[in-house]
Amino acid sequence: MDFFLLQGLRMSFVEAGNGVGMDQREREGSFEATGFCRSWRVVMVLVLVMGLLVLGTNGSVASPEDIRAGPPQFSGMVGSFLYNVLGSVGEEFRPAIEEAFKILSGIWQSPDVPVEVRVVFSDLGDQTLGSARQVGWDIINGQYVSTSLSQYWKGVEASLLGVPDIEMSINSKSNWYLGVDGNPGSQLDLVSAFTHEVIHGLLFNQRLQIVPGVSLNFSGGVPDRFESFLSNAEGCSIASYKDPADRYALVTNNNLFLASSDRTILAKLYAPFEYEIASSIYHLDYNSNSQVMAPELPPGVSYHDLGSDLLRIFQVMLDRNISGAPVCSGALRDPRDIGVAYAPRSTETVFLGLGLISWIAISVILGAALAVGLVSLVVFVRQRMSKRSQADLATGSQVV
């Protein structure tokens, strides 16, 4: 928004500048030259004032939040990440922040076009440690792709001039442990929290349009890179379900996954039965070995190891030749089914959510039960007939 405001002022400046060509005509009596020159000077002053207000370090365009946070406290570059930190924090925060970027540099390497991250430390209340969002988007191969990923693939700048790729907010009031040794004691580990939020900005971006309890739709009708890998337990894309209500049921059944194009399950996601804004879908399950992307970070815990689940997710999602989980046709698993992860069934025919082997087993059990029932019925009938015959004989003896 601020960029377009600045752009509008530049437009005014250009339009006024074009008036210089009319200045000669003004002198010839067409316009009042002095009035126009005064207007032109006013515009110039406004541009300079706004430039001082909205330009941050390295020519970045500042947002209203940036202006409230004050000038950048410090900045730097680690691996493929260029960062600016704003807010009421000092240099003592730098080691933890740079340690997080070092961890992420092992899975994200785009030195030709670094990812620009703007971080604002401010009071976010008692419940929130931080948040992050991807600022710009591109469309590649029918998917919304963040500017960070677009730059990673193409090797050319994709962001607007002065606009960061990722905007982050970190709670300045939290009891942060600023060390890098992974021993936070009773404090909150800043390295873990910071790594978590940058991953949100890189890939775990939230764009789905969700009406809690009702429906799920893709923003703009097109999934983004992360959403393209969302799947059921059989590795079928959530786009396989055409009804928005079915898609919503799938992401609130504790049975949601990320899957590759061959239906290989990459990881299980956090998808509780009650949809949780800012937590559901875009975090890994609590049983994942990559707890840095769990929904919560308790005090006294650190996650400086990304874990194999995240390494696998990044390896697949950063591969431009892998499009995402496939859209399956035919019978699909009921999106309201709950359960644990299991391997995709590539050789089984699926009927009403059950495999062929399951139906055969059920048929055998029902057949055996039916056979036992028939035998029992025959025995029962014969016993009744035998007792009745004995009673008739006894009655006949008394009559005689």
Protein backbone atom coordinates (compact mmCIF):
# COMPACT_ATOMS: atom_id res chain seq x y z
CA MET A 1 0.00 0.00 0.00
CA ASP A 2 2.76 2.41 0.92
CA PHE A 3 4.60 1.51 -2.25
CA PHE A 4 1.62 2.54 -4.33
CA LEU A 5 1.33 5.74 -2.32
CA LEU A 6 4.95 6.53 -3.13
CA GLN A 7 4.36 5.48 -6.70
CA GLY A 8 1.45 7.91 -6.87
CA LEU A 9 3.69 10.75 -5.73
CA ARG A 10 6.21 9.78 -8.35
CA MET A 11 3.43 9.91 -10.90
CA SER A 12 2.60 13.42 -9.72
CA PHE A 13 6.22 14.38 -9.98
CA VAL A 14 6.49 13.00 -13.52
CA GLU A 15 3.33 14.75 -14.56
CA ALA A 16 4.63 17.99 -13.11
CA GLY A 17 7.97 17.38 -14.78
CA ASN A 18 6.22 17.01 -18.10
CA GLY A 19 4.87 20.47 -17.42
CA VAL A 20 8.38 21.85 -17.81
CA GLY A 21 7.90 21.41 -21.51
CA MET A 22 4.80 23.56 -21.20
CA ASP A 23 6.68 26.21 -19.29
CA GLN A 24 7.71 27.94 -22.51
CA ARG A 25 4.08 28.07 -23.59
CA GLU A 26 3.18 29.50 -20.21
CA ARG A 27 5.65 32.30 -20.77
CA GLU A 28 3.91 32.90 -24.06
CA GLY A 29 0.64 33.53 -22.22
CA SER A 30 -1.03 30.11 -22.27
CA PHE A 31 -0.59 29.52 -18.51
CA GLU A 32 0.50 31.47 -15.48
CA ALA A 33 4.14 30.42 -15.12
CA THR A 34 4.68 31.50 -11.51
CA GLY A 35 1.66 29.54 -10.21
CA PHE A 36 2.74 26.41 -12.02
CA CYS A 37 6.31 26.67 -10.73
CA ARG A 38 5.04 27.04 -7.18
CA SER A 39 2.91 23.89 -7.60
CA TRP A 40 5.87 22.03 -9.05
CA ARG A 41 8.04 23.04 -6.07
CA VAL A 42 5.34 21.93 -3.61
CA VAL A 43 5.23 18.52 -5.26
CA MET A 44 9.04 18.28 -5.09
CA VAL A 45 8.99 19.07 -1.36
CA LEU A 46 6.26 16.50 -0.74
CA VAL A 47 8.23 13.85 -2.61
CA LEU A 48 11.36 14.58 -0.59
CA VAL A 49 9.45 14.55 2.72
CA MET A 50 7.66 11.31 1.91
CA GLY A 51 10.93 9.81 0.74
CA LEU A 52 12.50 10.55 4.13
CA LEU A 53 9.48 9.08 5.91
CA VAL A 54 9.01 5.88 3.98
CA LEU A 55 12.50 4.90 2.89
CA GLY A 56 14.27 2.49 5.21
CA THR A 57 17.69 0.93 5.13
CA ASN A 58 19.03 -0.04 1.70
CA GLY A 59 16.25 1.82 -0.05
CA SER A 60 13.46 -0.44 1.27
CA VAL A 61 9.99 1.06 1.34
CA ALA A 62 8.79 1.28 4.94
CA SER A 63 5.33 0.18 6.01
CA PRO A 64 3.25 2.02 8.66
CA GLU A 65 4.38 -0.67 11.13
CA ASP A 66 8.00 0.10 10.23
CA ILE A 67 7.48 3.82 10.82
CA ARG A 68 5.94 3.13 14.24
CA ALA A 69 8.84 0.78 15.07
CA GLY A 70 11.38 3.48 14.22
CA PRO A 71 14.55 3.19 12.16
CA PRO A 72 16.25 -0.19 11.65
CA GLN A 73 18.30 -1.29 14.65
CA PHE A 74 20.63 -3.49 12.64
CA SER A 75 20.82 -5.40 9.38
CA GLY A 76 22.99 -7.98 7.70
CA MET A 77 23.26 -10.88 5.30
CA VAL A 78 23.68 -14.56 6.13
CA GLY A 79 23.86 -17.08 3.29
CA SER A 80 20.90 -16.37 1.01
CA PHE A 81 19.12 -14.07 3.46
CA LEU A 82 19.31 -10.29 3.63
CA TYR A 83 17.60 -8.95 6.76
CA ASN A 84 16.62 -5.68 8.43
CA VAL A 85 15.54 -5.65 12.08
CA LEU A 86 13.32 -2.88 13.44
CA GLY A 87 11.81 -2.21 16.87
CA SER A 88 13.05 -1.81 20.41
CA VAL A 89 15.79 -4.43 20.31
CA GLY A 90 19.55 -4.17 20.31
CA GLU A 91 22.61 -5.93 18.98
CA GLU A 92 22.23 -8.66 21.59
CA PHE A 93 19.50 -10.17 19.37
CA ARG A 94 21.75 -10.47 16.33
CA PRO A 95 23.52 -13.79 17.19
CA ALA A 96 20.24 -15.72 17.60
CA ILE A 97 18.76 -14.24 14.43
CA GLU A 98 21.84 -15.04 12.38
CA GLU A 99 21.98 -18.57 13.83
CA ALA A 100 18.44 -19.16 12.52
CA PHE A 101 19.46 -17.98 9.05
CA LYS A 102 22.52 -20.25 9.18
CA ILE A 103 20.25 -23.24 9.91
CA LEU A 104 17.98 -22.34 6.99
CA SER A 105 20.89 -21.75 4.61
CA GLY A 106 21.39 -25.50 4.59
CA ILE A 107 18.10 -26.01 2.73
CA TRP A 108 17.69 -22.69 0.88
CA GLN A 109 20.51 -21.49 -1.33
CA SER A 110 19.86 -18.63 -3.75
CA PRO A 111 22.90 -16.35 -3.40
CA ASP A 112 22.32 -14.62 -6.75
CA VAL A 113 19.00 -13.20 -5.52
CA PRO A 114 18.86 -13.29 -1.70
CA VAL A 115 15.59 -13.47 0.19
CA GLU A 116 14.95 -10.08 1.77
CA VAL A 117 13.38 -10.35 5.22
CA ARG A 118 12.03 -7.41 7.21
CA VAL A 119 11.61 -8.15 10.93
CA VAL A 120 9.69 -5.93 13.34
CA PHE A 121 9.88 -6.54 17.08
CA SER A 122 6.73 -5.25 18.81
CA ASP A 123 4.25 -6.12 21.54
CA LEU A 124 2.03 -8.92 20.18
CA GLY A 125 0.24 -9.70 23.45
CA ASP A 126 0.47 -12.75 25.68
CA GLN A 127 -0.48 -15.54 23.27
CA THR A 128 1.52 -14.89 20.10
CA LEU A 129 5.25 -15.34 19.73
CA GLY A 130 5.48 -14.26 16.10
CA SER A 131 4.02 -14.27 12.62
CA ALA A 132 5.25 -14.06 9.04
CA ARG A 133 3.83 -13.59 5.59
CA GLN A 134 5.04 -13.72 2.02
CA VAL A 135 4.59 -10.28 0.46
CA GLY A 136 4.67 -10.90 -3.30
CA TRP A 137 3.43 -13.67 -5.58
CA ASP A 138 4.06 -14.99 -9.06
CA ILE A 139 2.20 -17.65 -11.09
CA ILE A 140 4.35 -20.46 -12.47
CA ASN A 141 2.98 -23.65 -14.02
CA GLY A 142 -0.53 -22.91 -12.83
CA GLN A 143 0.49 -22.37 -9.20
CA TYR A 144 0.83 -19.28 -7.06
CA VAL A 145 4.51 -19.11 -6.13
CA SER A 146 6.09 -16.75 -3.60
CA THR A 147 8.61 -14.24 -4.89
CA SER A 148 11.21 -16.05 -2.80
CA LEU A 149 10.60 -19.31 -4.64
CA SER A 150 10.28 -17.58 -8.00
CA GLN A 151 13.71 -16.03 -7.47
CA TYR A 152 15.07 -19.38 -6.32
CA TRP A 153 13.97 -20.99 -9.57
CA LYS A 154 14.67 -18.19 -12.04
CA GLY A 155 17.69 -16.51 -10.48
CA VAL A 156 16.27 -13.03 -11.14
CA GLU A 157 14.65 -10.48 -8.86
CA ALA A 158 10.87 -10.97 -8.63
CA SER A 159 9.95 -8.45 -5.92
CA LEU A 160 8.98 -4.85 -6.51
CA LEU A 161 11.75 -2.35 -5.90
CA GLY A 162 12.19 -1.76 -2.19
CA VAL A 163 9.61 -4.36 -1.13
CA PRO A 164 10.83 -7.28 1.03
CA ASP A 165 10.01 -10.88 0.17
CA ILE A 166 9.01 -11.75 3.74
CA GLU A 167 7.59 -9.57 6.50
CA MET A 168 7.90 -10.90 10.04
CA SER A 169 6.66 -9.78 13.45
CA ILE A 170 8.27 -11.07 16.65
CA ASN A 171 6.89 -10.43 20.13
CA SER A 172 9.28 -8.08 21.90
CA LYS A 173 7.61 -8.79 25.26
CA SER A 174 8.31 -12.55 25.25
CA ASN A 175 10.95 -13.94 27.59
CA TRP A 176 13.49 -14.79 24.91
CA TYR A 177 16.64 -16.80 25.35
CA LEU A 178 19.19 -15.11 23.08
CA GLY A 179 21.87 -17.78 23.20
CA VAL A 180 22.65 -20.13 20.32
CA ASP A 181 23.59 -23.26 22.28
CA GLY A 182 20.05 -24.69 22.41
CA ASN A 183 19.82 -24.59 26.21
CA PRO A 184 17.10 -22.00 26.94
CA GLY A 185 16.46 -23.11 30.52
CA SER A 186 13.00 -21.79 31.41
CA GLN A 187 12.99 -19.21 28.60
CA LEU A 188 11.72 -19.27 25.02
CA ASP A 189 14.35 -20.12 22.43
CA LEU A 190 14.55 -17.26 19.91
CA VAL A 191 16.54 -19.32 17.37
CA SER A 192 13.72 -21.90 17.18
CA ALA A 193 10.92 -19.31 16.97
CA PHE A 194 12.73 -17.25 14.35
CA THR A 195 13.47 -20.33 12.21
CA HIS A 196 9.80 -21.33 12.46
CA GLU A 197 8.56 -17.96 11.20
CA VAL A 198 11.00 -17.75 8.29
CA ILE A 199 9.82 -21.19 7.12
CA HIS A 200 6.28 -19.82 7.15
CA GLY A 201 7.45 -17.02 4.89
CA LEU A 202 9.33 -19.34 2.54
CA LEU A 203 6.86 -22.18 1.97
CA PHE A 204 4.22 -22.66 4.69
CA ASN A 205 2.19 -19.70 3.41
CA GLN A 206 -1.48 -19.31 4.32
CA ARG A 207 -3.71 -18.40 1.37
CA LEU A 208 -6.68 -20.78 1.58
CA GLN A 209 -10.10 -19.18 1.90
CA ILE A 210 -11.77 -21.00 4.78
CA VAL A 211 -15.19 -20.51 6.33
CA PRO A 212 -14.92 -22.46 9.61
CA GLY A 213 -17.41 -25.30 9.74
CA VAL A 214 -18.54 -24.70 6.16
CA SER A 215 -16.09 -24.66 3.25
CA LEU A 216 -12.57 -24.41 1.86
CA ASN A 217 -11.65 -22.76 -1.43
CA PHE A 218 -8.42 -21.79 -3.17
CA SER A 219 -7.72 -18.07 -3.21
CA GLY A 220 -8.17 -16.87 -6.77
CA GLY A 221 -9.25 -20.39 -7.73
CA VAL A 222 -5.61 -21.51 -7.96
CA PRO A 223 -3.59 -23.35 -5.28
CA ASP A 224 -0.22 -22.05 -4.19
CA ARG A 225 2.91 -24.19 -4.03
CA PHE A 226 2.26 -25.49 -0.50
CA GLU A 227 -1.44 -26.13 -1.12
CA SER A 228 -0.63 -28.17 -4.23
CA PHE A 229 0.90 -30.83 -1.97
CA LEU A 230 -2.01 -31.05 0.51
CA SER A 231 -3.50 -34.55 0.33
CA ASN A 232 -5.59 -37.23 1.99
CA ALA A 233 -3.99 -40.33 3.52
CA GLU A 234 -3.82 -41.99 0.10
CA GLY A 235 -1.74 -39.20 -1.43
CA CYS A 236 -4.59 -37.68 -3.47
CA SER A 237 -4.67 -33.87 -3.68
CA ILE A 238 -7.39 -32.04 -1.78
CA ALA A 239 -8.31 -30.62 -5.20
CA SER A 240 -9.63 -34.12 -5.98
CA TYR A 241 -12.64 -33.18 -3.84
CA LYS A 242 -14.81 -30.81 -5.83
CA ASP A 243 -17.22 -29.94 -3.02
CA PRO A 244 -15.81 -27.13 -0.79
CA ALA A 245 -17.54 -28.79 2.19
CA ASP A 246 -15.66 -32.04 1.53
CA ARG A 247 -12.38 -30.14 1.31
CA TYR A 248 -13.10 -28.49 4.65
CA ALA A 249 -13.90 -31.88 6.19
CA LEU A 250 -10.57 -33.20 4.93
CA VAL A 251 -8.55 -30.48 6.68
CA THR A 252 -10.38 -30.98 10.00
CA ASN A 253 -10.17 -34.77 10.38
CA ASN A 254 -6.72 -35.25 11.92
CA ASN A 255 -5.81 -37.10 8.73
CA LEU A 256 -4.24 -34.44 6.47
CA PHE A 257 -0.88 -34.87 4.75
CA LEU A 258 1.63 -33.47 2.28
CA ALA A 259 2.22 -35.83 -0.66
CA SER A 260 4.44 -35.84 -3.74
CA SER A 261 3.37 -36.39 -7.35
CA ASP A 262 3.78 -40.18 -6.99
CA ARG A 263 1.47 -40.13 -3.95
CA THR A 264 4.35 -40.67 -1.54
CA ILE A 265 3.45 -39.22 1.86
CA LEU A 266 5.97 -36.55 2.90
CA ALA A 267 4.61 -35.68 6.34
CA LYS A 268 1.44 -35.47 8.41
CA LEU A 269 0.02 -32.02 9.14
CA TYR A 270 -1.67 -30.55 12.18
CA ALA A 271 -5.40 -30.78 11.36
CA PRO A 272 -7.52 -30.96 14.55
CA PHE A 273 -11.26 -31.60 14.42
CA GLU A 274 -11.95 -27.97 15.30
CA TYR A 275 -10.31 -25.59 12.82
CA GLU A 276 -7.76 -23.36 14.56
CA ILE A 277 -7.00 -20.10 12.82
CA ALA A 278 -3.25 -19.61 12.29
CA SER A 279 -2.50 -23.15 13.51
CA SER A 280 -4.41 -25.72 11.44
CA ILE A 281 -2.97 -26.99 8.14
CA TYR A 282 0.20 -24.87 8.09
CA HIS A 283 2.05 -26.74 10.84
CA LEU A 284 3.36 -30.27 11.15
CA ASP A 285 1.75 -32.86 13.40
CA TYR A 286 3.03 -33.11 16.98
CA ASN A 287 4.42 -36.58 16.17
CA SER A 288 6.60 -35.23 13.36
CA ASN A 289 10.38 -35.40 13.79
CA SER A 290 10.51 -31.75 12.65
CA GLN A 291 9.05 -30.11 15.74
CA VAL A 292 10.40 -26.72 14.77
CA MET A 293 7.20 -26.49 12.68
CA ALA A 294 4.84 -27.68 15.42
CA PRO A 295 2.03 -25.23 16.30
CA GLU A 296 3.56 -24.30 19.66
CA LEU A 297 6.95 -23.60 21.19
CA PRO A 298 7.00 -24.30 24.95
CA PRO A 299 9.56 -22.68 27.26
CA GLY A 300 12.76 -24.61 27.87
CA VAL A 301 12.71 -26.37 24.49
CA SER A 302 14.84 -25.75 21.40
CA TYR A 303 14.70 -27.08 17.85
CA HIS A 304 17.92 -26.29 15.99
CA ASP A 305 17.72 -29.49 13.93
CA LEU A 306 15.20 -29.19 11.09
CA GLY A 307 14.46 -32.93 11.10
CA SER A 308 14.04 -35.32 8.18
CA ASP A 309 10.38 -34.42 7.54
CA LEU A 310 11.21 -30.79 6.76
CA LEU A 311 14.30 -31.73 4.77
CA ARG A 312 12.14 -34.03 2.63
CA ILE A 313 9.42 -31.39 2.20
CA PHE A 314 11.90 -28.73 1.06
CA GLN A 315 13.70 -31.14 -1.26
CA VAL A 316 10.45 -31.98 -3.04
CA MET A 317 8.83 -28.53 -3.05
CA LEU A 318 11.96 -26.80 -4.31
CA ASP A 319 12.07 -29.19 -7.27
CA ARG A 320 10.39 -27.33 -10.10
CA ASN A 321 9.70 -30.61 -11.95
CA ILE A 322 7.42 -31.90 -9.17
CA SER A 323 3.99 -30.31 -9.44
CA GLY A 324 2.38 -31.60 -6.25
CA ALA A 325 -0.02 -34.32 -5.13
CA PRO A 326 -2.04 -35.74 -8.06
CA VAL A 327 -5.73 -35.04 -8.56
CA CYS A 328 -7.33 -38.48 -8.32
CA SER A 329 -10.51 -39.52 -10.12
CA GLY A 330 -13.05 -42.17 -9.31
CA ALA A 331 -13.90 -43.31 -5.80
CA LEU A 332 -12.11 -41.29 -3.11
CA ARG A 333 -11.60 -41.90 0.56
CA ASP A 334 -14.36 -40.27 2.60
CA PRO A 335 -12.90 -36.92 3.69
CA ARG A 336 -14.56 -37.37 7.07
CA ASP A 337 -12.62 -40.57 7.82
CA ILE A 338 -10.08 -40.25 10.60
CA GLY A 339 -7.02 -42.35 11.24
CA VAL A 340 -3.27 -42.56 11.07
CA ALA A 341 -0.94 -42.41 8.12
CA TYR A 342 -0.53 -45.48 5.96
CA ALA A 343 1.16 -46.19 2.64
CA PRO A 344 -0.80 -45.30 -0.52
CA ARG A 345 -2.55 -48.32 -2.03
CA SER A 346 -1.39 -48.38 -5.64
CA THR A 347 -2.47 -51.98 -6.42
CA GLU A 348 -5.80 -52.05 -4.60
CA THR A 349 -9.13 -51.01 -6.05
CA VAL A 350 -10.91 -48.65 -3.70
CA PHE A 351 -14.62 -49.02 -2.96
CA LEU A 352 -16.37 -46.63 -0.59
CA GLY A 353 -13.13 -45.93 1.20
CA LEU A 354 -12.25 -49.65 1.76
CA GLY A 355 -9.76 -51.70 -0.20
CA LEU A 356 -10.58 -54.90 -2.07
CA ILE A 357 -8.74 -57.01 0.49
CA SER A 358 -10.82 -55.45 3.25
CA TRP A 359 -14.05 -56.28 1.41
CA ILE A 360 -12.94 -59.90 0.87
CA ALA A 361 -12.19 -60.27 4.57
CA ILE A 362 -15.57 -58.81 5.50
CA SER A 363 -17.31 -61.14 3.03
CA VAL A 364 -15.58 -64.21 4.50
CA ILE A 365 -16.56 -63.22 8.04
CA LEU A 366 -20.17 -62.54 7.07
CA GLY A 367 -20.33 -65.82 5.12
CA ALA A 368 -19.02 -67.80 8.08
CA ALA A 369 -21.47 -66.09 10.41
CA LEU A 370 -24.34 -66.86 8.04
CA ALA A 371 -23.31 -70.54 7.79
CA VAL A 372 -23.13 -70.88 11.58
CA GLY A 373 -26.53 -69.25 11.83
CA LEU A 374 -28.12 -71.67 9.33
CA VAL A 375 -26.66 -74.73 11.08
CA SER A 376 -27.92 -73.46 14.42
CA LEU A 377 -31.37 -72.89 12.93
CA VAL A 378 -31.54 -76.44 11.50
CA VAL A 379 -30.48 -77.95 14.83
CA PHE A 380 -33.05 -75.84 16.67
CA VAL A 381 -35.87 -76.87 14.32
CA ARG A 382 -34.99 -80.54 14.57
CA GLN A 383 -34.92 -80.39 18.36
CA ARG A 384 -38.36 -78.78 18.42
CA MET A 385 -39.79 -81.35 16.03
CA SER A 386 -38.32 -84.20 18.12
CA LYS A 387 -39.84 -82.86 21.33
CA ARG A 388 -43.23 -82.43 19.65
CA SER A 389 -43.18 -86.05 18.38
CA GLN A 390 -42.37 -87.32 21.86
CA ALA A 391 -45.24 -85.30 23.30
CA ASP A 392 -47.70 -86.69 20.73
CA LEU A 393 -46.67 -90.27 21.58
CA ALA A 394 -47.15 -89.66 25.28
CA THR A 395 -50.61 -88.20 24.71
CA GLY A 396 -51.63 -91.17 22.56
CA SER A 397 -50.62 -93.64 25.30
CA GLN A 398 -52.85 -91.93 27.86
CA VAL A 399 -55.92 -92.07 25.55
CA VAL A 400 -55.56 -95.81 25.06
